């Protein structure tokens, strides 16, 4: 067992901090009743996910997570909040005690199942070369192995842009 003064022990502590940041951000994002706080929780959760990508030895993916999701998506949501009609205050319905207990039970059962699967399964060693996470390796994989998925994401983004333009054209009062 490694101590906290060793590299492995410190890496384990930093990993647990990143996991805690991700979970705390997710709880804030899902339980907040005010939209700016929910977006802040979402940004915190996505920063934690970028940290997890970095721990998975993929710094390029971590940087793209920060750039695209934290930088672009969260800012877009903030702009949508600022452009929303201020008079439309509709409170979401609260969960009942039975719904809360049921969702916590399902979540605990799911977490227990994943933990049991992870600890009891014999995982085979990777037979192929592990991607080093460099820009060259990611670009090569996107344009060879995952070219169809890459093109499909481009079409989805184009549809999202067209939808945003259609909504913006009708104006805030007519939507």
C-alpha atoms as a PDB file:
ATOM      1  CA  UNK A   1       0.000   0.000   0.000  1.00  0.00           C
ATOM      2  CA  UNK A   2       1.401   3.390  -0.944  1.00  0.00           C
ATOM      3  CA  UNK A   3       1.579   6.331   1.392  1.00  0.00           C
ATOM      4  CA  UNK A   4       0.437   9.853   0.649  1.00  0.00           C
ATOM      5  CA  UNK A   5       4.012  11.083   0.258  1.00  0.00           C
ATOM      6  CA  UNK A   6       4.603   8.771  -2.699  1.00  0.00           C
ATOM      7  CA  UNK A   7       3.664   9.627  -6.261  1.00  0.00           C
ATOM      8  CA  UNK A   8       1.028   6.886  -6.437  1.00  0.00           C
ATOM      9  CA  UNK A   9      -0.588   8.002  -3.175  1.00  0.00           C
ATOM     10  CA  UNK A  10      -0.725  11.636  -4.235  1.00  0.00           C
ATOM     11  CA  UNK A  11      -2.127  10.660  -7.638  1.00  0.00           C
ATOM     12  CA  UNK A  12      -4.832   8.665  -5.849  1.00  0.00           C
ATOM     13  CA  UNK A  13      -5.739  11.660  -3.689  1.00  0.00           C
ATOM     14  CA  UNK A  14      -5.877  13.964  -6.727  1.00  0.00           C
ATOM     15  CA  UNK A  15      -8.031  11.401  -8.556  1.00  0.00           C
ATOM     16  CA  UNK A  16     -10.468  11.264  -5.634  1.00  0.00           C
ATOM     17  CA  UNK A  17     -10.633  15.073  -5.578  1.00  0.00           C
ATOM     18  CA  UNK A  18     -11.426  15.109  -9.314  1.00  0.00           C
ATOM     19  CA  UNK A  19     -14.148  12.479  -8.804  1.00  0.00           C
ATOM     20  CA  UNK A  20     -15.578  14.499  -5.893  1.00  0.00           C
ATOM     21  CA  UNK A  21     -15.615  17.673  -8.008  1.00  0.00           C
ATOM     22  CA  UNK A  22     -17.446  15.791 -10.766  1.00  0.00           C
ATOM     23  CA  UNK A  23     -20.037  14.368  -8.387  1.00  0.00           C
ATOM     24  CA  UNK A  24     -20.583  17.647  -6.532  1.00  0.00           C
ATOM     25  CA  UNK A  25     -21.026  19.489  -9.831  1.00  0.00           C
ATOM     26  CA  UNK A  26     -23.530  16.889 -10.998  1.00  0.00           C
ATOM     27  CA  UNK A  27     -25.531  17.165  -7.779  1.00  0.00           C
ATOM     28  CA  UNK A  28     -25.564  20.970  -8.026  1.00  0.00           C
ATOM     29  CA  UNK A  29     -26.619  20.808 -11.683  1.00  0.00           C
ATOM     30  CA  UNK A  30     -29.485  18.416 -11.060  1.00  0.00           C
ATOM     31  CA  UNK A  31     -30.807  19.676  -7.737  1.00  0.00           C
ATOM     32  CA  UNK A  32     -30.647  23.438  -8.206  1.00  0.00           C
ATOM     33  CA  UNK A  33     -33.900  25.287  -8.831  1.00  0.00           C
ATOM     34  CA  UNK A  34     -32.190  28.376 -10.242  1.00  0.00           C
ATOM     35  CA  UNK A  35     -30.812  28.093 -13.786  1.00  0.00           C
ATOM     36  CA  UNK A  36     -27.565  30.062 -13.287  1.00  0.00           C
ATOM     37  CA  UNK A  37     -26.623  27.793 -10.383  1.00  0.00           C
ATOM     38  CA  UNK A  38     -27.503  24.718 -12.434  1.00  0.00           C
ATOM     39  CA  UNK A  39     -25.264  25.909 -15.273  1.00  0.00           C
ATOM     40  CA  UNK A  40     -22.459  26.556 -12.786  1.00  0.00           C
ATOM     41  CA  UNK A  41     -22.887  23.004 -11.463  1.00  0.00           C
ATOM     42  CA  UNK A  42     -22.829  21.678 -15.017  1.00  0.00           C
ATOM     43  CA  UNK A  43     -19.607  23.566 -15.722  1.00  0.00           C
ATOM     44  CA  UNK A  44     -18.055  22.202 -12.515  1.00  0.00           C
ATOM     45  CA  UNK A  45     -19.097  18.666 -13.452  1.00  0.00           C
ATOM     46  CA  UNK A  46     -17.645  19.030 -16.952  1.00  0.00           C
ATOM     47  CA  UNK A  47     -14.368  20.362 -15.514  1.00  0.00           C
ATOM     48  CA  UNK A  48     -14.214  17.221 -13.374  1.00  0.00           C
ATOM     49  CA  UNK A  49     -14.847  15.063 -16.434  1.00  0.00           C
ATOM     50  CA  UNK A  50     -11.986  16.821 -18.213  1.00  0.00           C
ATOM     51  CA  UNK A  51      -9.812  15.920 -15.230  1.00  0.00           C
ATOM     52  CA  UNK A  52     -10.892  12.295 -15.548  1.00  0.00           C
ATOM     53  CA  UNK A  53      -9.969  12.339 -19.240  1.00  0.00           C
ATOM     54  CA  UNK A  54      -6.553  13.645 -18.243  1.00  0.00           C
ATOM     55  CA  UNK A  55      -6.180  10.761 -15.790  1.00  0.00           C
ATOM     56  CA  UNK A  56      -7.042   8.390 -18.650  1.00  0.00           C
ATOM     57  CA  UNK A  57      -3.914   9.691 -20.427  1.00  0.00           C
ATOM     58  CA  UNK A  58      -5.830  11.691 -23.007  1.00  0.00           C
ATOM     59  CA  UNK A  59      -4.811  15.342 -22.653  1.00  0.00           C
ATOM     60  CA  UNK A  60      -6.209  16.250 -26.072  1.00  0.00           C
ATOM     61  CA  UNK A  61      -9.655  14.973 -25.138  1.00  0.00           C
ATOM     62  CA  UNK A  62      -9.437  16.809 -21.800  1.00  0.00           C
ATOM     63  CA  UNK A  63      -8.603  20.053 -23.604  1.00  0.00           C
ATOM     64  CA  UNK A  64     -11.469  19.564 -26.055  1.00  0.00           C
ATOM     65  CA  UNK A  65     -13.835  18.885 -23.129  1.00  0.00           C
ATOM     66  CA  UNK A  66     -12.827  22.188 -21.571  1.00  0.00           C
ATOM     67  CA  UNK A  67     -12.963  24.095 -24.849  1.00  0.00           C
ATOM     68  CA  UNK A  68     -16.184  22.712 -26.301  1.00  0.00           C
ATOM     69  CA  UNK A  69     -18.373  21.775 -23.362  1.00  0.00           C
ATOM     70  CA  UNK A  70     -17.273  24.151 -20.631  1.00  0.00           C
ATOM     71  CA  UNK A  71     -16.346  27.018 -22.927  1.00  0.00           C
ATOM     72  CA  UNK A  72     -19.000  26.796 -25.621  1.00  0.00           C
ATOM     73  CA  UNK A  73     -21.988  24.836 -24.343  1.00  0.00           C
ATOM     74  CA  UNK A  74     -22.145  26.428 -20.893  1.00  0.00           C
ATOM     75  CA  UNK A  75     -21.724  29.921 -22.367  1.00  0.00           C
ATOM     76  CA  UNK A  76     -24.479  29.149 -24.885  1.00  0.00           C
ATOM     77  CA  UNK A  77     -26.786  28.058 -22.071  1.00  0.00           C
ATOM     78  CA  UNK A  78     -25.992  31.283 -20.193  1.00  0.00           C
ATOM     79  CA  UNK A  79     -26.857  33.296 -23.310  1.00  0.00           C
ATOM     80  CA  UNK A  80     -30.112  31.339 -23.634  1.00  0.00           C
ATOM     81  CA  UNK A  81     -30.954  32.184 -20.028  1.00  0.00           C
ATOM     82  CA  UNK A  82     -30.254  35.863 -20.687  1.00  0.00           C
ATOM     83  CA  UNK A  83     -32.444  35.830 -23.834  1.00  0.00           C
ATOM     84  CA  UNK A  84     -35.329  33.963 -22.212  1.00  0.00           C
ATOM     85  CA  UNK A  85     -38.537  35.727 -21.385  1.00  0.00           C
ATOM     86  CA  UNK A  86     -38.185  37.047 -17.827  1.00  0.00           C
ATOM     87  CA  UNK A  87     -41.929  36.834 -17.215  1.00  0.00           C
ATOM     88  CA  UNK A  88     -42.093  33.084 -17.750  1.00  0.00           C
ATOM     89  CA  UNK A  89     -41.403  31.892 -14.214  1.00  0.00           C
ATOM     90  CA  UNK A  90     -42.631  28.350 -14.157  1.00  0.00           C
ATOM     91  CA  UNK A  91     -41.525  26.369 -11.142  1.00  0.00           C
ATOM     92  CA  UNK A  92     -40.736  22.720 -11.780  1.00  0.00           C
ATOM     93  CA  UNK A  93     -42.704  20.213  -9.759  1.00  0.00           C
ATOM     94  CA  UNK A  94     -40.859  18.845  -6.758  1.00  0.00           C
ATOM     95  CA  UNK A  95     -40.203  15.174  -6.218  1.00  0.00           C
ATOM     96  CA  UNK A  96     -42.140  13.275  -3.610  1.00  0.00           C
ATOM     97  CA  UNK A  97     -40.458  11.317  -0.843  1.00  0.00           C
ATOM     98  CA  UNK A  98     -41.264   8.061  -2.631  1.00  0.00           C
ATOM     99  CA  UNK A  99     -39.721   9.350  -5.874  1.00  0.00           C
ATOM    100  CA  UNK A 100     -36.593  10.521  -4.066  1.00  0.00           C
ATOM    101  CA  UNK A 101     -36.196   7.217  -2.203  1.00  0.00           C
ATOM    102  CA  UNK A 102     -36.813   5.253  -5.395  1.00  0.00           C
ATOM    103  CA  UNK A 103     -34.272   7.211  -7.422  1.00  0.00           C
ATOM    104  CA  UNK A 104     -31.669   6.912  -4.651  1.00  0.00           C
ATOM    105  CA  UNK A 105     -32.344   3.165  -4.453  1.00  0.00           C
ATOM    106  CA  UNK A 106     -31.978   2.672  -8.205  1.00  0.00           C
ATOM    107  CA  UNK A 107     -28.788   4.763  -8.218  1.00  0.00           C
ATOM    108  CA  UNK A 108     -27.317   2.788  -5.296  1.00  0.00           C
ATOM    109  CA  UNK A 109     -28.222  -0.513  -6.964  1.00  0.00           C
ATOM    110  CA  UNK A 110     -26.618   0.631 -10.215  1.00  0.00           C
ATOM    111  CA  UNK A 111     -23.445   1.781  -8.402  1.00  0.00           C
ATOM    112  CA  UNK A 112     -23.263  -1.495  -6.465  1.00  0.00           C
ATOM    113  CA  UNK A 113     -23.661  -3.506  -9.674  1.00  0.00           C
ATOM    114  CA  UNK A 114     -20.907  -1.576 -11.439  1.00  0.00           C
ATOM    115  CA  UNK A 115     -18.583  -1.912  -8.430  1.00  0.00           C
ATOM    116  CA  UNK A 116     -19.247  -5.654  -8.206  1.00  0.00           C
ATOM    117  CA  UNK A 117     -18.661  -6.067 -11.931  1.00  0.00           C
ATOM    118  CA  UNK A 118     -15.433  -4.086 -11.799  1.00  0.00           C
ATOM    119  CA  UNK A 119     -13.980  -5.978  -8.844  1.00  0.00           C
ATOM    120  CA  UNK A 120     -14.964  -9.539  -9.777  1.00  0.00           C
ATOM    121  CA  UNK A 121     -14.298  -9.568 -13.523  1.00  0.00           C
ATOM    122  CA  UNK A 122     -10.918 -10.639 -14.852  1.00  0.00           C
ATOM    123  CA  UNK A 123     -10.088  -7.928 -17.365  1.00  0.00           C
ATOM    124  CA  UNK A 124      -7.815  -9.084 -20.206  1.00  0.00           C
ATOM    125  CA  UNK A 125      -4.790  -7.030 -21.111  1.00  0.00           C
ATOM    126  CA  UNK A 126      -5.135  -4.809 -24.147  1.00  0.00           C
ATOM    127  CA  UNK A 127      -3.904  -6.596 -27.252  1.00  0.00           C
ATOM    128  CA  UNK A 128      -3.647  -3.495 -29.411  1.00  0.00           C
ATOM    129  CA  UNK A 129      -1.410  -0.487 -28.985  1.00  0.00           C
ATOM    130  CA  UNK A 130      -2.987   2.028 -26.640  1.00  0.00           C
ATOM    131  CA  UNK A 131      -3.624   5.418 -28.203  1.00  0.00           C
ATOM    132  CA  UNK A 132      -1.225   7.977 -26.782  1.00  0.00           C
ATOM    133  CA  UNK A 133      -3.818  10.761 -26.942  1.00  0.00           C
ATOM    134  CA  UNK A 134      -1.796  12.976 -29.267  1.00  0.00           C
ATOM    135  CA  UNK A 135      -3.444  15.199 -31.872  1.00  0.00           C
ATOM    136  CA  UNK A 136      -1.946  13.081 -34.663  1.00  0.00           C
ATOM    137  CA  UNK A 137      -3.349   9.830 -33.238  1.00  0.00           C
ATOM    138  CA  UNK A 138      -6.794  11.320 -32.608  1.00  0.00           C
ATOM    139  CA  UNK A 139      -6.911  12.828 -36.117  1.00  0.00           C
ATOM    140  CA  UNK A 140      -5.858   9.538 -37.677  1.00  0.00           C
ATOM    141  CA  UNK A 141      -8.562   7.650 -35.732  1.00  0.00           C
ATOM    142  CA  UNK A 142     -11.227  10.220 -36.653  1.00  0.00           C
ATOM    143  CA  UNK A 143     -10.467  10.027 -40.359  1.00  0.00           C
ATOM    144  CA  UNK A 144     -10.032   6.243 -40.604  1.00  0.00           C
ATOM    145  CA  UNK A 145     -11.798   4.176 -37.938  1.00  0.00           C
ATOM    146  CA  UNK A 146     -14.441   6.703 -36.881  1.00  0.00           C
ATOM    147  CA  UNK A 147     -15.003   8.574 -40.139  1.00  0.00           C
ATOM    148  CA  UNK A 148     -18.735   7.762 -40.335  1.00  0.00           C
ATOM    149  CA  UNK A 149     -19.333   8.915 -36.755  1.00  0.00           C
ATOM    150  CA  UNK A 150     -17.310  12.061 -37.435  1.00  0.00           C
ATOM    151  CA  UNK A 151     -19.486  12.904 -40.449  1.00  0.00           C
ATOM    152  CA  UNK A 152     -22.669  12.083 -38.528  1.00  0.00           C
ATOM    153  CA  UNK A 153     -21.683  14.525 -35.763  1.00  0.00           C
ATOM    154  CA  UNK A 154     -21.131  17.179 -38.433  1.00  0.00           C
ATOM    155  CA  UNK A 155     -24.676  16.649 -39.740  1.00  0.00           C
ATOM    156  CA  UNK A 156     -26.133  16.833 -36.205  1.00  0.00           C
ATOM    157  CA  UNK A 157     -24.278  20.089 -35.540  1.00  0.00           C
ATOM    158  CA  UNK A 158     -25.515  21.511 -38.847  1.00  0.00           C
ATOM    159  CA  UNK A 159     -29.106  20.632 -37.884  1.00  0.00           C
ATOM    160  CA  UNK A 160     -28.609  22.296 -34.483  1.00  0.00           C
ATOM    161  CA  UNK A 161     -27.367  25.478 -36.152  1.00  0.00           C
ATOM    162  CA  UNK A 162     -30.311  25.505 -38.577  1.00  0.00           C
ATOM    163  CA  UNK A 163     -32.719  24.982 -35.671  1.00  0.00           C
ATOM    164  CA  UNK A 164     -31.136  27.810 -33.685  1.00  0.00           C
ATOM    165  CA  UNK A 165     -31.417  30.119 -36.695  1.00  0.00           C
ATOM    166  CA  UNK A 166     -35.076  29.178 -37.189  1.00  0.00           C
ATOM    167  CA  UNK A 167     -35.835  29.906 -33.536  1.00  0.00           C
ATOM    168  CA  UNK A 168     -33.900  33.173 -33.608  1.00  0.00           C
ATOM    169  CA  UNK A 169     -35.670  34.321 -36.766  1.00  0.00           C
ATOM    170  CA  UNK A 170     -39.129  34.023 -35.238  1.00  0.00           C
ATOM    171  CA  UNK A 171     -38.072  36.239 -32.355  1.00  0.00           C
ATOM    172  CA  UNK A 172     -38.418  36.065 -28.640  1.00  0.00           C
ATOM    173  CA  UNK A 173     -42.036  37.150 -28.464  1.00  0.00           C
ATOM    174  CA  UNK A 174     -43.422  34.716 -31.066  1.00  0.00           C
ATOM    175  CA  UNK A 175     -41.878  31.474 -29.797  1.00  0.00           C
END
